[in-house]
Amino acid sequence: MSEHQALPFISVIMPIRNEADYIEQSLTAVLQQDYSSSQMEVIIVDGMSTDETRDIVAQVAVRYPSIPVVILDNPKHIVPTGMNIALAQAKGEIIVRVDGHCKIAPDYVSRCVAHLQKGDSVGVGGPIETMSETPSGETIALAMQSSFGVGGSAFRTVKDRAMFVDTIAFPAYTRKAIEHAGLYDEELMRNQDDEYNYRLRALGYKILLTPDVRSQYYSRTSLRKLWRQYFQYGYYKVRVLQKHPAQMQLRQFVPPIFVAVLVGGAILAPLIPILLWLWLMVIGLYATVNILASLRIASQTHWRHFTLLPLTFATLHLSYGLGFLKGLISFRSRWRQAT
């Protein structure tokens, strides 16, 4: 048996929509992997892009004729439907998901395969380096890599050790595990990876985070876009809670509780003097911690980030918290529904 025959066949799935700014470098990184080109396929699932995304994909694919690149339509636009469309066609023994907003290292696929072949886990990924090409985006990227900004999200904050985790970004899965867990939940516009990894772990499987699997993720470039992203994270986290209560962790309840205290205090504090003092103490404590976290990061990177960091942290926390509270209202009749 030749070396190429011994390697498992890999399907790289890229669910994308309107990624004209990033798809060239993202797809190029996939097609420049050090893995055998004869043992790879790339499936692009496009959510009916209205920009130049598909044209760029076609142009990049022509440069690398040794790896087949297939473009499929995703009429429902969202990631879980795109993943399910691609999985129905994928031939790989190992499935690797890559987003259009990221750039994987040249050895990403080969290292994922090596870890999965050890048999300790059915899913593997690595810490992501969040970055941006604009000044405001660079500040947002710093906030998204800090524990104060995103809590205990290991794939964003842990970069120096291998560990089994709850969830990973840009995962590689064995085909056997996917067939066992089933398709992605198409109700979840966001948080579909968290939900899917929970299902795998509930089946007794392990998910590995390892620092030698490297990727870069391009963050949102404005606070408005960041707000929309994290509002959706909070909103759909309620459905994950309703479907899988055991998946939730305490840190995920902190932002909605904080927002509820802020809103409730604004309503009740003028009526009850002692509540006014408690409300102001909560605001003061948050502002203090926010400023200290911003000072620490700015001192370690560049002081120009300090002016925007406090607003970025507040955007992360308030948008997620408000999204979660909105989800509690929107999905209030779904508590008895598992799907």
Foldseek 3Di string as FASTA:
>chain_A
DDPLVPAWAEEEEEEAEQLVVQQLQAVLLVLLAPRDQQRYEYEYEYCPHPDCNVVSVVVSCVVRVSHHYHYHYQPVSFDQSSQVVVVVPDDTQKYWYTYSQKHWHNHQVVVLRVVVVVVQFFKEAEAAQEAADDPQQRLLSLLQLDCLQPNPPCSSDPQDAKDWDQFHPRMMGGPVLCVVLDGFDPVQSPPRRNLSSNSSVVVVGTYMYGNVGYMYGYGDRDLVVVLVVLLSVLQRVVLSCLQPVVSDDPVLCVLLVLLVLQVVLVVCCVVDVVSVVVSVVSVVVLLVVQLVVLVVSCVVPNVVSSVCSSVSSCSNRNSSNVSNVVNCVVCVVCNVPND
